[in-house]
Protein backbone atom coordinates (compact mmCIF):
# COMPACT_ATOMS: atom_id res chain seq x y z
CA MET A 1 -132.44 10.22 -172.66
CA LEU A 2 -135.83 10.94 -171.01
CA ARG A 3 -136.91 13.00 -167.90
CA ALA A 4 -138.76 11.54 -165.40
CA ARG A 5 -141.97 13.49 -165.98
CA SER A 6 -141.78 13.08 -169.53
CA LEU A 7 -141.31 9.47 -169.29
CA HIS A 8 -144.36 9.46 -166.69
CA ILE A 9 -146.49 10.88 -169.11
CA ILE A 10 -145.67 8.50 -171.98
CA VAL A 11 -146.13 5.25 -169.88
CA SER A 12 -149.36 6.95 -168.43
CA SER A 13 -150.52 7.61 -172.31
CA CYS A 14 -149.56 3.84 -173.20
CA ALA A 15 -151.11 2.22 -170.37
CA TYR A 16 -154.41 4.13 -171.31
CA THR A 17 -154.12 3.04 -174.90
CA LEU A 18 -152.93 -0.40 -173.41
CA LEU A 19 -156.21 -0.69 -171.41
CA HIS A 20 -158.52 0.29 -174.04
CA SER A 21 -156.83 -2.42 -176.88
CA LEU A 22 -156.75 -5.16 -173.93
CA ALA A 23 -160.48 -4.40 -173.61
CA ALA A 24 -161.24 -4.73 -177.14
CA ALA A 25 -159.16 -7.97 -177.49
CA GLN A 26 -161.22 -9.69 -174.73
CA PRO A 27 -161.95 -13.27 -175.92
CA SER A 28 -165.98 -14.33 -175.54
CA PHE A 29 -168.24 -16.99 -175.98
CA GLN A 30 -171.93 -17.07 -176.61
CA GLY A 31 -174.91 -19.05 -177.77
CA LEU A 32 -176.95 -17.20 -180.24
CA GLY A 33 -180.18 -18.63 -179.08
CA THR A 34 -182.98 -19.43 -181.53
CA LEU A 35 -185.91 -17.81 -183.59
CA PRO A 36 -189.37 -17.68 -181.30
CA GLY A 37 -190.85 -20.85 -180.90
CA THR A 38 -188.57 -23.12 -182.42
CA THR A 39 -185.07 -24.94 -180.60
CA TYR A 40 -182.96 -25.33 -183.29
CA SER A 41 -180.14 -22.89 -184.89
CA ASP A 42 -177.05 -23.07 -186.71
CA ALA A 43 -174.42 -20.56 -188.15
CA ALA A 44 -173.12 -20.47 -191.69
CA ASP A 45 -171.30 -17.05 -191.81
CA VAL A 46 -170.12 -14.27 -190.16
CA ALA A 47 -169.30 -10.58 -191.46
CA SER A 48 -165.59 -9.17 -191.16
CA GLY A 49 -167.11 -5.65 -190.19
CA PRO A 50 -170.08 -4.99 -187.76
CA LEU A 51 -170.81 -7.94 -186.23
CA VAL A 52 -173.70 -9.79 -188.34
CA VAL A 53 -173.94 -13.76 -188.40
CA VAL A 54 -176.39 -15.43 -190.61
CA GLY A 55 -177.59 -18.86 -190.81
CA LEU A 56 -181.12 -20.50 -190.39
CA SER A 57 -183.29 -21.56 -187.47
CA SER A 58 -185.88 -24.41 -186.98
CA GLU A 59 -185.86 -27.51 -188.96
CA PHE A 60 -189.38 -27.73 -190.57
CA PRO A 61 -189.67 -25.16 -191.91
CA SER A 62 -186.09 -23.52 -192.10
CA GLN A 63 -185.96 -19.49 -191.79
CA GLY A 64 -183.05 -17.65 -192.68
CA TYR A 65 -182.00 -15.40 -190.16
CA ARG A 66 -179.32 -12.24 -189.41
CA TRP A 67 -178.24 -11.99 -185.98
CA THR A 68 -176.43 -8.80 -184.45
CA PRO A 69 -175.63 -7.97 -180.73
CA ARG A 70 -178.34 -5.20 -180.54
CA ALA A 71 -181.41 -7.14 -182.26
CA GLY A 72 -180.45 -10.53 -181.62
CA MET A 73 -181.74 -13.24 -184.01
CA VAL A 74 -184.21 -11.70 -186.47
CA GLY A 75 -186.01 -13.99 -188.89
CA LEU A 76 -185.98 -12.77 -192.59
CA GLY A 77 -188.96 -14.42 -194.24
CA ASP A 78 -188.67 -15.75 -197.45
CA LEU A 79 -189.73 -15.18 -201.18
CA PRO A 80 -193.78 -14.84 -202.07
CA GLY A 81 -195.10 -17.99 -202.75
CA GLY A 82 -194.52 -21.51 -202.34
CA THR A 83 -194.02 -23.30 -199.40
CA PHE A 84 -192.46 -21.25 -196.53
CA TYR A 85 -188.41 -21.71 -196.30
CA SER A 86 -185.23 -20.09 -196.43
CA ALA A 87 -181.85 -20.26 -195.57
CA ALA A 88 -178.73 -17.71 -195.02
CA LEU A 89 -175.48 -19.01 -196.41
CA GLY A 90 -173.22 -16.19 -196.56
CA VAL A 91 -172.73 -12.56 -196.10
CA SER A 92 -170.80 -9.58 -197.40
CA ALA A 93 -168.32 -7.96 -194.96
CA ASP A 94 -170.55 -5.05 -193.84
CA GLY A 95 -173.34 -7.38 -192.99
CA SER A 96 -175.65 -5.78 -195.41
CA VAL A 97 -176.16 -8.28 -198.02
CA VAL A 98 -177.12 -11.94 -197.28
CA VAL A 99 -177.09 -14.86 -199.88
CA GLY A 100 -178.82 -18.12 -199.72
CA GLN A 101 -181.89 -19.89 -200.76
CA SER A 102 -185.62 -19.63 -200.61
CA SER A 103 -188.88 -21.16 -201.66
CA GLY A 104 -191.33 -18.87 -204.03
CA PHE A 105 -193.17 -18.90 -206.99
CA GLY A 106 -190.58 -20.19 -209.06
CA GLY A 107 -189.49 -23.22 -206.60
CA LEU A 108 -186.34 -23.35 -204.49
CA HIS A 109 -184.13 -20.53 -206.00
CA ALA A 110 -181.16 -18.64 -204.93
CA THR A 111 -181.76 -15.55 -202.97
CA ARG A 112 -180.04 -12.19 -202.42
CA TRP A 113 -181.28 -10.02 -199.18
CA THR A 114 -180.88 -6.72 -198.17
CA LEU A 115 -182.75 -4.46 -195.52
CA GLU A 116 -184.02 -2.11 -198.20
CA GLN A 117 -185.33 -5.02 -200.63
CA GLY A 118 -185.62 -7.88 -198.77
CA PHE A 119 -185.37 -11.35 -200.59
CA VAL A 120 -184.77 -10.75 -204.26
CA ASP A 121 -185.01 -13.99 -206.43
CA LEU A 122 -182.01 -14.65 -208.47
CA GLY A 123 -183.60 -17.26 -210.94
CA THR A 124 -181.60 -20.01 -212.67
CA ILE A 125 -179.00 -20.55 -215.39
CA GLY A 126 -181.94 -22.01 -217.66
CA GLY A 127 -184.41 -19.14 -216.55
CA ALA A 128 -187.44 -19.75 -213.97
CA SER A 129 -187.62 -23.52 -214.24
CA GLY A 130 -185.20 -25.69 -212.19
CA GLN A 131 -183.47 -25.23 -208.89
CA SER A 132 -180.47 -23.00 -207.75
CA ILE A 133 -179.09 -22.08 -204.44
CA ALA A 134 -176.62 -19.00 -203.54
CA HIS A 135 -173.65 -20.59 -201.04
CA ASP A 136 -171.15 -17.36 -200.75
CA VAL A 137 -170.97 -13.39 -201.69
CA SER A 138 -168.12 -11.10 -202.22
CA ALA A 139 -166.84 -8.66 -199.29
CA ASP A 140 -168.88 -5.86 -201.04
CA GLY A 141 -172.05 -8.08 -201.76
CA THR A 142 -172.14 -7.60 -205.37
CA ILE A 143 -170.86 -10.77 -206.82
CA ILE A 144 -172.52 -14.37 -205.72
CA ALA A 145 -171.25 -17.88 -206.24
CA GLY A 146 -173.57 -20.87 -206.36
CA SER A 147 -174.84 -23.12 -208.37
CA SER A 148 -178.19 -23.95 -210.36
CA ASP A 149 -179.69 -27.00 -212.48
CA ILE A 150 -181.16 -26.37 -215.91
CA ALA A 151 -184.59 -27.85 -216.01
CA GLY A 152 -183.37 -31.18 -214.52
CA VAL A 153 -179.95 -31.28 -215.81
CA PRO A 154 -177.08 -31.84 -213.62
CA ASP A 155 -176.04 -28.51 -211.48
CA GLN A 156 -173.72 -26.27 -212.78
CA ALA A 157 -171.83 -23.56 -210.90
CA PHE A 158 -172.43 -20.04 -211.48
CA ARG A 159 -171.05 -16.42 -210.95
CA TRP A 160 -174.07 -13.66 -210.48
CA THR A 161 -173.48 -10.34 -210.80
CA ALA A 162 -176.35 -7.35 -211.22
CA ARG A 163 -175.25 -6.74 -214.84
CA THR A 164 -174.67 -10.34 -215.96
CA GLY A 165 -177.43 -12.17 -214.04
CA MET A 166 -176.24 -16.04 -213.51
CA VAL A 167 -173.65 -16.98 -215.81
CA GLY A 168 -172.61 -20.80 -215.73
CA LEU A 169 -169.18 -21.63 -215.18
CA GLY A 170 -169.06 -24.97 -216.72
CA PHE A 171 -167.31 -27.94 -215.57
CA LEU A 172 -163.87 -30.03 -215.65
CA PRO A 173 -163.16 -32.48 -218.45
CA GLY A 174 -164.70 -35.81 -217.79
CA THR A 175 -167.23 -34.52 -215.24
CA VAL A 176 -171.09 -33.84 -215.76
CA GLY A 177 -171.74 -31.00 -213.21
CA SER A 178 -170.48 -28.53 -210.77
CA PHE A 179 -170.89 -26.48 -207.47
CA ALA A 180 -169.58 -23.06 -206.68
CA LEU A 181 -169.01 -23.21 -202.63
CA GLY A 182 -166.68 -20.34 -201.81
CA ILE A 183 -165.57 -16.88 -203.20
CA SER A 184 -163.01 -14.52 -202.87
CA ASP A 185 -163.38 -11.02 -201.47
CA ASP A 186 -163.19 -9.50 -204.52
CA GLY A 187 -164.90 -11.85 -206.31
CA SER A 188 -162.66 -12.98 -209.08
CA THR A 189 -161.91 -16.80 -207.65
CA ILE A 190 -164.45 -18.95 -207.16
CA VAL A 191 -163.87 -22.63 -205.61
CA GLY A 192 -166.12 -25.72 -205.46
CA GLU A 193 -166.54 -29.16 -206.77
CA SER A 194 -166.90 -30.83 -210.29
CA TYR A 195 -168.44 -33.88 -210.25
CA GLY A 196 -168.70 -37.19 -212.58
CA PRO A 197 -170.82 -39.65 -213.26
CA GLY A 198 -169.97 -41.76 -210.02
CA PHE A 199 -171.34 -40.41 -206.77
CA PHE A 200 -167.69 -40.02 -205.02
CA ASP A 201 -166.03 -39.08 -208.35
CA LYS A 202 -165.67 -35.25 -207.20
CA ARG A 203 -162.92 -32.73 -208.10
CA PRO A 204 -161.63 -29.65 -206.54
CA PHE A 205 -161.59 -26.66 -208.71
CA ARG A 206 -160.40 -22.98 -208.86
CA TRP A 207 -161.98 -20.77 -211.19
CA THR A 208 -160.83 -17.07 -212.28
CA GLU A 209 -161.81 -15.34 -215.28
CA ALA A 210 -158.69 -15.42 -216.84
CA THR A 211 -157.87 -19.26 -216.53
CA GLY A 212 -161.17 -20.74 -216.26
CA MET A 213 -162.40 -23.57 -214.18
CA VAL A 214 -158.70 -25.49 -213.36
CA GLU A 215 -158.43 -28.59 -211.02
CA LEU A 216 -156.35 -28.86 -207.97
CA GLY A 217 -155.75 -32.46 -208.36
CA LEU A 218 -155.93 -35.20 -206.00
CA LEU A 219 -153.03 -36.78 -204.26
CA PRO A 220 -152.07 -40.54 -204.39
CA GLY A 221 -154.30 -42.96 -202.32
CA PHE A 222 -157.56 -40.26 -202.62
CA THR A 223 -160.64 -40.86 -204.74
CA SER A 224 -162.31 -37.42 -205.07
CA GLY A 225 -162.21 -34.01 -203.44
CA THR A 226 -163.97 -30.61 -203.06
CA ALA A 227 -162.94 -27.39 -202.28
CA THR A 228 -165.12 -25.35 -199.99
CA ALA A 229 -163.52 -21.69 -199.34
CA ALA A 230 -160.84 -19.33 -200.72
CA SER A 231 -159.06 -16.81 -199.03
CA GLY A 232 -159.56 -12.77 -199.34
CA ASP A 233 -157.34 -12.59 -202.53
CA GLY A 234 -158.12 -16.29 -203.53
CA GLN A 235 -154.45 -17.19 -203.36
CA VAL A 236 -155.29 -20.10 -200.62
CA VAL A 237 -158.01 -22.31 -201.45
CA ILE A 238 -159.13 -25.39 -198.59
CA GLY A 239 -161.30 -28.15 -198.80
CA SER A 240 -161.42 -32.08 -198.36
CA LEU A 241 -159.80 -35.25 -199.90
CA PHE A 242 -161.61 -38.41 -199.45
CA ALA A 243 -160.31 -41.89 -199.15
CA THR A 244 -161.67 -43.86 -196.34
CA ASN A 245 -162.09 -40.80 -194.31
CA PRO A 246 -162.07 -37.26 -195.27
CA GLN A 247 -158.67 -35.31 -194.76
CA VAL A 248 -158.54 -31.55 -194.62
CA PHE A 249 -156.34 -30.11 -197.55
CA ARG A 250 -154.84 -26.64 -197.89
CA TRP A 251 -153.87 -25.58 -201.55
CA SER A 252 -151.95 -22.46 -202.30
CA ILE A 253 -150.33 -21.09 -205.41
CA ALA A 254 -146.78 -21.05 -203.49
CA GLU A 255 -146.95 -24.50 -202.12
CA GLY A 256 -149.58 -26.58 -203.84
CA LEU A 257 -151.95 -28.94 -202.45
CA THR A 258 -151.22 -30.44 -198.85
CA VAL A 259 -153.09 -32.58 -196.35
CA ILE A 260 -153.01 -31.06 -192.84
CA GLY A 261 -154.92 -33.46 -190.99
CA PRO A 262 -158.32 -35.52 -190.59
CA GLY A 263 -161.54 -33.48 -191.00
CA THR A 264 -163.72 -31.17 -193.11
CA PRO A 265 -163.13 -27.53 -193.42
CA SER A 266 -165.48 -25.00 -193.98
CA GLY A 267 -163.72 -21.50 -193.42
CA VAL A 268 -160.44 -19.72 -194.07
CA SER A 269 -159.21 -16.15 -192.61
CA GLY A 270 -158.45 -13.71 -195.03
CA ASP A 271 -154.83 -14.41 -195.14
CA GLY A 272 -155.28 -18.07 -195.68
CA ALA A 273 -153.25 -18.62 -191.98
CA LEU A 274 -156.43 -19.99 -190.11
CA ILE A 275 -158.78 -22.81 -190.89
CA VAL A 276 -161.81 -24.03 -189.24
CA GLY A 277 -164.13 -26.76 -189.70
CA ARG A 278 -165.31 -30.27 -188.06
CA SER A 279 -162.52 -33.06 -187.51
CA LEU A 280 -163.43 -36.28 -185.46
CA GLY A 281 -166.66 -34.87 -184.59
CA ASP A 282 -165.71 -31.62 -183.31
CA ALA A 283 -165.12 -28.20 -184.19
CA PHE A 284 -161.33 -27.68 -184.91
CA ILE A 285 -158.94 -24.77 -185.70
CA TRP A 286 -155.77 -24.97 -187.78
CA ASP A 287 -152.85 -23.06 -188.20
CA LYS A 288 -149.16 -23.78 -189.46
CA VAL A 289 -147.53 -23.65 -186.31
CA ASN A 290 -149.91 -26.18 -183.98
CA GLY A 291 -151.65 -28.10 -186.58
CA VAL A 292 -155.27 -29.29 -186.16
CA ARG A 293 -156.61 -28.60 -182.69
CA ASN A 294 -159.75 -29.32 -181.10
CA LEU A 295 -161.62 -25.60 -180.98
CA GLN A 296 -163.11 -25.98 -177.50
CA ALA A 297 -159.79 -26.91 -175.70
CA VAL A 298 -158.27 -24.03 -177.60
CA LEU A 299 -160.88 -21.50 -176.34
CA ALA A 300 -160.51 -23.09 -172.69
CA ASP A 301 -156.62 -23.31 -172.63
CA ASP A 302 -155.34 -20.55 -174.49
CA PHE A 303 -157.98 -18.01 -174.07
CA GLY A 304 -159.27 -18.99 -170.40
CA LEU A 305 -162.96 -19.16 -171.81
CA ASP A 306 -165.29 -21.66 -169.52
CA LEU A 307 -167.85 -23.19 -171.71
CA GLY A 308 -169.62 -25.25 -169.30
CA ASP A 309 -171.59 -27.96 -170.80
CA TRP A 310 -171.22 -26.57 -174.49
CA TRP A 311 -170.05 -29.26 -177.01
CA LEU A 312 -168.59 -27.43 -180.14
CA GLU A 313 -169.76 -29.85 -182.98
CA HIS A 314 -168.63 -27.86 -185.82
CA ALA A 315 -167.10 -24.48 -186.87
CA ALA A 316 -168.76 -23.23 -189.87
CA ALA A 317 -166.75 -19.84 -190.82
CA ILE A 318 -164.17 -17.44 -189.68
CA SER A 319 -163.93 -13.93 -190.09
CA ALA A 320 -161.47 -12.32 -192.57
CA ASP A 321 -159.30 -10.92 -189.63
CA GLY A 322 -159.51 -14.45 -187.92
CA THR A 323 -161.19 -12.74 -184.85
CA ARG A 324 -164.67 -13.99 -184.93
CA ILE A 325 -165.73 -17.90 -185.46
CA VAL A 326 -169.04 -19.02 -185.36
CA GLY A 327 -170.84 -22.74 -185.74
CA VAL A 328 -173.09 -24.96 -184.22
CA GLY A 329 -173.12 -27.15 -181.23
CA ARG A 330 -174.98 -28.56 -178.11
CA ASN A 331 -175.73 -26.07 -175.52
CA PRO A 332 -176.14 -27.09 -172.00
CA ASP A 333 -179.49 -28.24 -172.37
CA GLY A 334 -178.68 -30.77 -175.23
CA GLN A 335 -180.46 -28.69 -177.92
CA ILE A 336 -178.51 -27.68 -181.04
CA GLU A 337 -177.80 -23.95 -181.41
CA ALA A 338 -175.62 -21.71 -183.19
CA TRP A 339 -172.66 -19.90 -181.27
CA LEU A 340 -169.88 -17.16 -181.69
CA ALA A 341 -166.35 -17.05 -180.17
CA ILE A 342 -164.31 -13.73 -180.31
CA ILE A 343 -160.69 -14.24 -180.15
CA PRO A 344 -158.01 -11.61 -180.35
CA GLU A 345 -156.03 -11.23 -183.45
CA PRO A 346 -152.43 -12.17 -182.94
CA GLY A 347 -150.98 -8.94 -182.36
CA SER A 348 -153.62 -8.28 -179.73
CA LEU A 349 -152.60 -11.60 -178.11
CA ALA A 350 -149.26 -10.48 -177.89
CA LEU A 351 -150.30 -7.21 -176.25
CA LEU A 352 -152.44 -9.44 -173.90
CA LEU A 353 -149.33 -11.20 -172.84
CA ALA A 354 -146.85 -8.01 -172.68
CA GLY A 355 -149.57 -6.22 -171.10
CA GLY A 356 -149.10 -7.29 -167.46
CA ALA A 357 -145.50 -6.58 -167.61
CA PHE A 358 -145.92 -3.17 -169.25
CA LEU A 359 -148.17 -2.25 -166.71
CA LEU A 360 -146.13 -3.95 -163.75
CA TYR A 361 -143.73 -1.58 -165.04
CA ARG A 362 -145.55 1.50 -164.38
CA ARG A 363 -146.57 0.40 -161.20
CA ARG A 364 -143.25 0.16 -159.88
CA LEU A 365 -142.08 3.52 -161.29
CA VAL A 366 -144.81 5.01 -159.26
CA GLU A 367 -143.90 3.01 -156.15
CA ARG A 368 -140.20 4.18 -156.53
CA ARG A 369 -141.08 7.94 -156.59
CA THR A 370 -143.72 7.84 -153.80
CA THR A 371 -141.20 5.90 -151.51
CA ARG A 372 -138.15 8.44 -151.85
CA PRO A 373 -135.74 8.38 -148.74
CA THR A 374 -136.68 11.41 -146.64
CA GLY A 375 -134.74 14.70 -147.56
CA ALA A 376 -134.19 13.24 -151.15
CA LYS A 377 -133.50 16.52 -153.30
CA GLN A 378 -136.42 17.81 -155.32
CA ALA A 379 -134.07 17.76 -158.41
CA ASN A 380 -134.52 14.53 -158.17
CA ASP A 381 -138.00 14.72 -159.70
CA ASP A 382 -136.49 16.53 -162.97
CA SER A 383 -133.07 14.03 -162.88
CA ALA A 384 -132.40 11.95 -166.07
CA VAL A 385 -133.68 8.40 -166.24
CA THR A 386 -131.88 6.06 -168.59
């Protein structure tokens, strides 16, 4: 049993908390613009802590950027020497470390960028010669996954740390090279593809220090496949299987390999519950309940966002908590531009749906108290309410 005054205080406090939660959970969409003097940009990754998006802008030459709500899109420059070029492909959870590739005195090399140091050349597996690229980075920014050739020898997936440098992960039996495309938050799991002599002979793999490189396999009817990203704990892997048209797969330790629909996936949430990518020419989002859905339609129908004349072509990444999605599309002027969509967490979405009913209850409670019949006893203010 609660007295009316106590209930009023509780309801008022809950309403205050609710209003602030609803404000934080409001969905939004925006284009991220381009670097000065350019008309093209795309997004590659989004941080899960402070809001930071990374990608590249301008086609010739490309320059990696780091975008924040306060500073907007800021170019990162490139390595000294060589032809001007850089690309930002992955970002740490706090947005302070950006990995990718740049052109310098040594050629096209994998890079690690921080605000304090700028670009650092990670070299190649075989030393200074050859080329390399960093595709993804662990949540704390200390472990990097990518690929490197060795003076013209086919590429090999690598794992980089400051202590070990660039260490090759090898390749699957019967193949000749490998690419590492994704890494788990703690850096313990790396995923990618190991490829054979034939152009279409690709095999998706999952690497851990304990198991080494393990093939995820192919389903009947498919000729090749590639793994593109891993969940936060590395227990879920996403990628594509190829036959006539690419199909999205989701692999987990518990369920094995499952095809979930047409398309090529690029990002997965930390818990493995949400997948984003490109399907049938449009950005898509997937969850177990709804399957593969057109992301632009979901933003409009589920979250009430009006994207106007935007066309979302590809969703490149999703934050660990599933609330931020970045990608590339055509803006209302027909130009290719990076974009950012923010959607509520599942708990926040439920809060949004429940919020109206909760506030309506509070309003009715206040109306009932302010419209008491004349002569009602003052004691009613302190009467018990069930």
